[in-house]
Amino acid sequence: MAQLTDPETLARYKQAIADWKYQGAIVLKGRAPDGLRTTLEGMTERQFKELLFRFVCEEGGEIDQVTEQREQWRMEAEFHYDLRPTIAGVKVYVETRLLPESFTSRDEPMIHVVQIKPV
């Protein structure tokens, strides 16, 4: 794991996180909704997104940029981005993807949360 240090990618990630209030900026996909329910029982998606924003943008929480090695995901994304905030006393692993990966895209960046589980 390596901390995300590329200034352009970091700025795009923070831009997407900062838009947490807007529909589509952060989307829980795949197993993430179930992970939220079982790991952080009673927490709403909106509360969770706000906590991710606070962790990354206000607290300076670490973002790990991980080269995607899993065959089923390598075609979708070169990297995934891991967060490990402590939420309600629980250390949580949050796997995310930053989309679009291309800097040439005019689309606003968004984050797909694909996994939430206790560390």
N, C-alpha and C. Protein backbone atom coordinates (compact mmCIF):
# COMPACT_ATOMS: atom_id res chain seq x y z
N MET A 1 0.84 -1.18 0.00
CA MET A 1 0.00 0.00 0.00
C MET A 1 0.88 1.24 0.00
N ALA A 2 0.43 2.20 -0.74
CA ALA A 2 1.14 3.47 -0.78
C ALA A 2 0.14 4.61 -0.62
N GLN A 3 0.52 5.55 0.18
CA GLN A 3 -0.36 6.69 0.40
C GLN A 3 -0.52 7.46 -0.91
N LEU A 4 -1.73 7.91 -1.17
CA LEU A 4 -2.02 8.71 -2.36
C LEU A 4 -1.32 10.05 -2.21
N THR A 5 -0.36 10.32 -3.09
CA THR A 5 0.38 11.57 -3.02
C THR A 5 0.32 12.37 -4.31
N ASP A 6 -0.11 11.75 -5.42
CA ASP A 6 -0.21 12.48 -6.68
C ASP A 6 -1.17 13.66 -6.50
N PRO A 7 -0.71 14.90 -6.68
CA PRO A 7 -1.55 16.05 -6.38
C PRO A 7 -2.84 16.12 -7.22
N GLU A 8 -2.76 15.74 -8.48
CA GLU A 8 -3.96 15.81 -9.33
C GLU A 8 -5.01 14.78 -8.91
N THR A 9 -4.56 13.56 -8.67
CA THR A 9 -5.49 12.51 -8.25
C THR A 9 -6.06 12.84 -6.88
N LEU A 10 -5.22 13.30 -5.98
CA LEU A 10 -5.69 13.67 -4.64
C LEU A 10 -6.72 14.79 -4.72
N ALA A 11 -6.48 15.78 -5.56
CA ALA A 11 -7.44 16.88 -5.71
C ALA A 11 -8.77 16.38 -6.25
N ARG A 12 -8.74 15.46 -7.22
CA ARG A 12 -9.98 14.91 -7.78
C ARG A 12 -10.72 14.08 -6.74
N TYR A 13 -9.98 13.31 -5.95
CA TYR A 13 -10.61 12.49 -4.91
C TYR A 13 -11.28 13.40 -3.88
N LYS A 14 -10.56 14.41 -3.44
CA LYS A 14 -11.12 15.34 -2.45
C LYS A 14 -12.30 16.12 -3.02
N GLN A 15 -12.26 16.45 -4.31
CA GLN A 15 -13.39 17.14 -4.94
C GLN A 15 -14.64 16.27 -4.88
N ALA A 16 -14.49 15.00 -5.20
CA ALA A 16 -15.64 14.09 -5.16
C ALA A 16 -16.15 13.94 -3.73
N ILE A 17 -15.26 13.76 -2.78
CA ILE A 17 -15.65 13.62 -1.37
C ILE A 17 -16.35 14.88 -0.87
N ALA A 18 -15.83 16.04 -1.27
CA ALA A 18 -16.41 17.31 -0.82
C ALA A 18 -17.83 17.50 -1.32
N ASP A 19 -18.19 16.81 -2.39
CA ASP A 19 -19.55 16.90 -2.94
C ASP A 19 -20.48 15.85 -2.34
N TRP A 20 -20.14 15.33 -1.17
CA TRP A 20 -20.86 14.22 -0.54
C TRP A 20 -22.36 14.47 -0.42
N LYS A 21 -22.79 15.72 -0.33
CA LYS A 21 -24.22 16.03 -0.17
C LYS A 21 -25.01 15.82 -1.46
N TYR A 22 -24.32 15.78 -2.58
CA TYR A 22 -24.99 15.71 -3.87
C TYR A 22 -25.11 14.26 -4.35
N GLN A 23 -26.28 13.93 -4.81
CA GLN A 23 -26.55 12.58 -5.29
C GLN A 23 -25.58 12.24 -6.43
N GLY A 24 -24.97 11.08 -6.33
CA GLY A 24 -24.07 10.61 -7.37
C GLY A 24 -22.60 10.91 -7.12
N ALA A 25 -22.27 11.78 -6.15
CA ALA A 25 -20.87 12.08 -5.88
C ALA A 25 -20.18 10.91 -5.18
N ILE A 26 -20.86 10.31 -4.23
CA ILE A 26 -20.39 9.10 -3.54
C ILE A 26 -21.51 8.09 -3.61
N VAL A 27 -21.23 6.93 -4.19
CA VAL A 27 -22.25 5.91 -4.39
C VAL A 27 -21.80 4.61 -3.75
N LEU A 28 -22.65 4.00 -2.93
CA LEU A 28 -22.36 2.70 -2.35
C LEU A 28 -22.80 1.63 -3.34
N LYS A 29 -21.86 0.77 -3.74
CA LYS A 29 -22.10 -0.25 -4.76
C LYS A 29 -21.80 -1.64 -4.21
N GLY A 30 -22.28 -2.65 -4.92
CA GLY A 30 -21.93 -4.04 -4.58
C GLY A 30 -22.27 -4.40 -3.15
N ARG A 31 -21.26 -4.84 -2.40
CA ARG A 31 -21.43 -5.29 -1.02
C ARG A 31 -21.44 -4.15 0.00
N ALA A 32 -21.16 -2.93 -0.44
CA ALA A 32 -21.02 -1.81 0.49
C ALA A 32 -22.29 -1.52 1.31
N PRO A 33 -23.49 -1.51 0.71
CA PRO A 33 -24.67 -1.24 1.54
C PRO A 33 -24.85 -2.27 2.66
N ASP A 34 -24.62 -3.54 2.37
CA ASP A 34 -24.69 -4.58 3.41
C ASP A 34 -23.60 -4.37 4.45
N GLY A 35 -22.40 -4.01 4.00
CA GLY A 35 -21.30 -3.75 4.92
C GLY A 35 -21.61 -2.59 5.85
N LEU A 36 -22.26 -1.57 5.34
CA LEU A 36 -22.65 -0.43 6.18
C LEU A 36 -23.64 -0.88 7.25
N ARG A 37 -24.64 -1.66 6.84
CA ARG A 37 -25.65 -2.13 7.79
C ARG A 37 -25.07 -3.02 8.88
N THR A 38 -24.16 -3.90 8.51
CA THR A 38 -23.63 -4.84 9.50
C THR A 38 -22.47 -4.28 10.33
N THR A 39 -21.68 -3.39 9.74
CA THR A 39 -20.52 -2.85 10.44
C THR A 39 -20.88 -1.64 11.29
N LEU A 40 -21.76 -0.80 10.77
CA LEU A 40 -22.13 0.44 11.46
C LEU A 40 -23.65 0.50 11.59
N GLU A 41 -24.18 -0.45 12.31
CA GLU A 41 -25.62 -0.62 12.47
C GLU A 41 -26.30 0.69 12.86
N GLY A 42 -27.34 1.04 12.11
CA GLY A 42 -28.13 2.24 12.39
C GLY A 42 -27.63 3.50 11.70
N MET A 43 -26.45 3.45 11.10
CA MET A 43 -25.93 4.63 10.42
C MET A 43 -26.53 4.72 9.02
N THR A 44 -26.96 5.90 8.64
CA THR A 44 -27.52 6.11 7.31
C THR A 44 -26.39 6.32 6.30
N GLU A 45 -26.70 6.14 5.02
CA GLU A 45 -25.70 6.40 3.98
C GLU A 45 -25.26 7.86 4.04
N ARG A 46 -26.20 8.76 4.25
CA ARG A 46 -25.86 10.19 4.32
C ARG A 46 -24.88 10.46 5.46
N GLN A 47 -25.12 9.89 6.62
CA GLN A 47 -24.20 10.08 7.75
C GLN A 47 -22.82 9.51 7.43
N PHE A 48 -22.81 8.34 6.80
CA PHE A 48 -21.55 7.70 6.44
C PHE A 48 -20.76 8.56 5.46
N LYS A 49 -21.43 9.08 4.45
CA LYS A 49 -20.76 9.93 3.46
C LYS A 49 -20.18 11.19 4.12
N GLU A 50 -20.93 11.77 5.03
CA GLU A 50 -20.43 12.95 5.73
C GLU A 50 -19.19 12.59 6.56
N LEU A 51 -19.20 11.44 7.20
CA LEU A 51 -18.04 11.02 7.99
C LEU A 51 -16.82 10.78 7.11
N LEU A 52 -17.03 10.24 5.89
CA LEU A 52 -15.91 10.08 4.96
C LEU A 52 -15.34 11.45 4.59
N PHE A 53 -16.23 12.41 4.33
CA PHE A 53 -15.80 13.76 4.02
C PHE A 53 -14.96 14.33 5.17
N ARG A 54 -15.45 14.21 6.38
CA ARG A 54 -14.73 14.74 7.54
C ARG A 54 -13.36 14.06 7.69
N PHE A 55 -13.34 12.74 7.52
CA PHE A 55 -12.09 11.98 7.64
C PHE A 55 -11.05 12.46 6.63
N VAL A 56 -11.45 12.60 5.37
CA VAL A 56 -10.50 12.95 4.31
C VAL A 56 -10.19 14.45 4.29
N CYS A 57 -11.22 15.27 4.29
CA CYS A 57 -11.02 16.70 4.04
C CYS A 57 -10.77 17.54 5.29
N GLU A 58 -11.31 17.13 6.41
CA GLU A 58 -11.13 17.93 7.61
C GLU A 58 -10.05 17.38 8.54
N GLU A 59 -9.96 16.05 8.62
CA GLU A 59 -9.00 15.43 9.53
C GLU A 59 -7.70 15.03 8.83
N GLY A 60 -7.68 15.13 7.51
CA GLY A 60 -6.47 14.74 6.77
C GLY A 60 -6.20 13.25 6.81
N GLY A 61 -7.29 12.46 6.89
CA GLY A 61 -7.14 11.00 6.94
C GLY A 61 -6.41 10.46 5.73
N GLU A 62 -5.65 9.41 5.94
CA GLU A 62 -4.82 8.82 4.89
C GLU A 62 -5.66 8.08 3.86
N ILE A 63 -5.29 8.26 2.62
CA ILE A 63 -5.90 7.54 1.49
C ILE A 63 -4.79 6.70 0.89
N ASP A 64 -4.98 5.39 0.85
CA ASP A 64 -4.00 4.49 0.23
C ASP A 64 -4.41 4.21 -1.20
N GLN A 65 -3.50 4.41 -2.14
CA GLN A 65 -3.72 4.09 -3.54
C GLN A 65 -3.13 2.71 -3.79
N VAL A 66 -3.98 1.77 -4.19
CA VAL A 66 -3.57 0.38 -4.33
C VAL A 66 -3.75 -0.05 -5.78
N THR A 67 -2.68 -0.56 -6.38
CA THR A 67 -2.79 -1.09 -7.74
C THR A 67 -3.71 -2.29 -7.71
N GLU A 68 -4.71 -2.28 -8.57
CA GLU A 68 -5.70 -3.36 -8.57
C GLU A 68 -5.08 -4.63 -9.12
N GLN A 69 -5.07 -5.67 -8.32
CA GLN A 69 -4.50 -6.96 -8.70
C GLN A 69 -5.56 -8.01 -9.01
N ARG A 70 -6.77 -7.79 -8.51
CA ARG A 70 -7.82 -8.80 -8.68
C ARG A 70 -8.33 -8.79 -10.12
N GLU A 71 -8.29 -9.96 -10.70
CA GLU A 71 -8.62 -10.11 -12.12
C GLU A 71 -9.97 -9.51 -12.49
N GLN A 72 -11.00 -9.76 -11.67
CA GLN A 72 -12.34 -9.30 -12.02
C GLN A 72 -12.48 -7.78 -11.99
N TRP A 73 -11.55 -7.07 -11.34
CA TRP A 73 -11.65 -5.61 -11.23
C TRP A 73 -10.61 -4.87 -12.06
N ARG A 74 -9.54 -5.56 -12.48
CA ARG A 74 -8.47 -4.88 -13.22
C ARG A 74 -8.96 -4.23 -14.51
N MET A 75 -9.96 -4.80 -15.13
CA MET A 75 -10.47 -4.23 -16.38
C MET A 75 -11.26 -2.94 -16.11
N GLU A 76 -11.80 -2.80 -14.91
CA GLU A 76 -12.60 -1.62 -14.57
C GLU A 76 -11.74 -0.47 -14.07
N ALA A 77 -10.70 -0.78 -13.31
CA ALA A 77 -9.92 0.29 -12.70
C ALA A 77 -8.48 -0.15 -12.46
N GLU A 78 -7.56 0.76 -12.70
CA GLU A 78 -6.15 0.48 -12.46
C GLU A 78 -5.84 0.48 -10.96
N PHE A 79 -6.56 1.33 -10.21
CA PHE A 79 -6.33 1.47 -8.78
C PHE A 79 -7.63 1.40 -8.01
N HIS A 80 -7.53 1.08 -6.73
CA HIS A 80 -8.60 1.38 -5.79
C HIS A 80 -7.97 2.15 -4.64
N TYR A 81 -8.82 2.79 -3.86
CA TYR A 81 -8.35 3.70 -2.81
C TYR A 81 -8.97 3.27 -1.49
N ASP A 82 -8.11 3.03 -0.51
CA ASP A 82 -8.54 2.51 0.78
C ASP A 82 -8.50 3.60 1.84
N LEU A 83 -9.54 3.64 2.64
CA LEU A 83 -9.64 4.52 3.79
C LEU A 83 -9.81 3.65 5.02
N ARG A 84 -9.31 4.11 6.16
CA ARG A 84 -9.44 3.35 7.40
C ARG A 84 -9.82 4.29 8.55
N PRO A 85 -11.00 4.88 8.47
CA PRO A 85 -11.43 5.77 9.56
C PRO A 85 -11.93 4.97 10.76
N THR A 86 -11.94 5.63 11.90
CA THR A 86 -12.60 5.07 13.07
C THR A 86 -13.94 5.78 13.18
N ILE A 87 -15.01 4.99 13.13
CA ILE A 87 -16.37 5.54 13.14
C ILE A 87 -17.13 4.90 14.29
N ALA A 88 -17.66 5.73 15.16
CA ALA A 88 -18.41 5.26 16.33
C ALA A 88 -17.61 4.21 17.11
N GLY A 89 -16.30 4.44 17.22
CA GLY A 89 -15.44 3.54 17.98
C GLY A 89 -15.00 2.29 17.23
N VAL A 90 -15.39 2.17 15.96
CA VAL A 90 -15.05 0.99 15.17
C VAL A 90 -14.07 1.40 14.07
N LYS A 91 -12.92 0.74 14.00
CA LYS A 91 -11.98 0.95 12.91
C LYS A 91 -12.54 0.24 11.69
N VAL A 92 -12.73 0.99 10.59
CA VAL A 92 -13.44 0.49 9.42
C VAL A 92 -12.53 0.56 8.19
N TYR A 93 -12.57 -0.51 7.39
CA TYR A 93 -11.90 -0.53 6.09
C TYR A 93 -12.93 -0.16 5.05
N VAL A 94 -12.62 0.87 4.25
CA VAL A 94 -13.52 1.33 3.20
C VAL A 94 -12.75 1.30 1.89
N GLU A 95 -13.18 0.43 0.98
CA GLU A 95 -12.55 0.34 -0.34
C GLU A 95 -13.35 1.18 -1.31
N THR A 96 -12.66 2.05 -2.04
CA THR A 96 -13.33 2.95 -2.97
C THR A 96 -12.66 2.91 -4.34
N ARG A 97 -13.39 3.42 -5.31
CA ARG A 97 -12.83 3.65 -6.66
C ARG A 97 -13.14 5.08 -7.05
N LEU A 98 -12.19 5.72 -7.69
CA LEU A 98 -12.36 7.08 -8.19
C LEU A 98 -12.67 7.00 -9.67
N LEU A 99 -13.79 7.57 -10.05
CA LEU A 99 -14.23 7.54 -11.45
C LEU A 99 -14.52 8.96 -11.93
N PRO A 100 -14.33 9.25 -13.17
CA PRO A 100 -13.58 8.43 -14.12
C PRO A 100 -12.10 8.47 -13.79
N GLU A 101 -11.40 7.44 -14.19
CA GLU A 101 -9.96 7.40 -13.94
C GLU A 101 -9.20 8.34 -14.87
N SER A 102 -9.77 8.60 -16.02
CA SER A 102 -9.11 9.44 -17.01
C SER A 102 -9.18 10.91 -16.62
N PHE A 103 -8.05 11.57 -16.67
CA PHE A 103 -8.02 13.01 -16.39
C PHE A 103 -8.55 13.81 -17.57
N THR A 104 -8.69 13.17 -18.72
CA THR A 104 -9.17 13.88 -19.90
C THR A 104 -10.69 13.96 -19.94
N SER A 105 -11.35 13.23 -19.07
CA SER A 105 -12.81 13.24 -19.04
C SER A 105 -13.31 14.56 -18.50
N ARG A 106 -14.39 15.04 -19.06
CA ARG A 106 -15.01 16.27 -18.56
C ARG A 106 -16.01 15.98 -17.46
N ASP A 107 -16.26 14.71 -17.21
CA ASP A 107 -17.19 14.33 -16.16
C ASP A 107 -16.64 14.72 -14.80
N GLU A 108 -17.53 15.11 -13.90
CA GLU A 108 -17.14 15.39 -12.52
C GLU A 108 -16.70 14.09 -11.88
N PRO A 109 -15.68 14.13 -11.03
CA PRO A 109 -15.25 12.89 -10.38
C PRO A 109 -16.30 12.40 -9.39
N MET A 110 -16.37 11.09 -9.26
CA MET A 110 -17.25 10.47 -8.28
C MET A 110 -16.51 9.32 -7.63
N ILE A 111 -17.02 8.93 -6.49
CA ILE A 111 -16.40 7.83 -5.75
C ILE A 111 -17.43 6.71 -5.59
N HIS A 112 -17.02 5.50 -5.95
CA HIS A 112 -17.83 4.32 -5.68
C HIS A 112 -17.23 3.64 -4.46
N VAL A 113 -18.03 3.49 -3.43
CA VAL A 113 -17.64 2.73 -2.25
C VAL A 113 -18.06 1.30 -2.53
N VAL A 114 -17.10 0.37 -2.55
CA VAL A 114 -17.41 -1.00 -2.95
C VAL A 114 -17.31 -2.00 -1.81
N GLN A 115 -16.73 -1.57 -0.69
CA GLN A 115 -16.64 -2.48 0.44
C GLN A 115 -16.50 -1.68 1.73
N ILE A 116 -17.24 -2.13 2.74
CA ILE A 116 -17.13 -1.56 4.09
C ILE A 116 -17.11 -2.74 5.04
N LYS A 117 -16.06 -2.80 5.88
CA LYS A 117 -15.97 -3.89 6.85
C LYS A 117 -15.08 -3.46 8.00
N PRO A 118 -15.26 -4.10 9.16
CA PRO A 118 -14.37 -3.77 10.28
C PRO A 118 -12.95 -4.23 9.98
N VAL A 119 -11.99 -3.50 10.51
CA VAL A 119 -10.58 -3.87 10.31
C VAL A 119 -10.22 -4.95 11.30
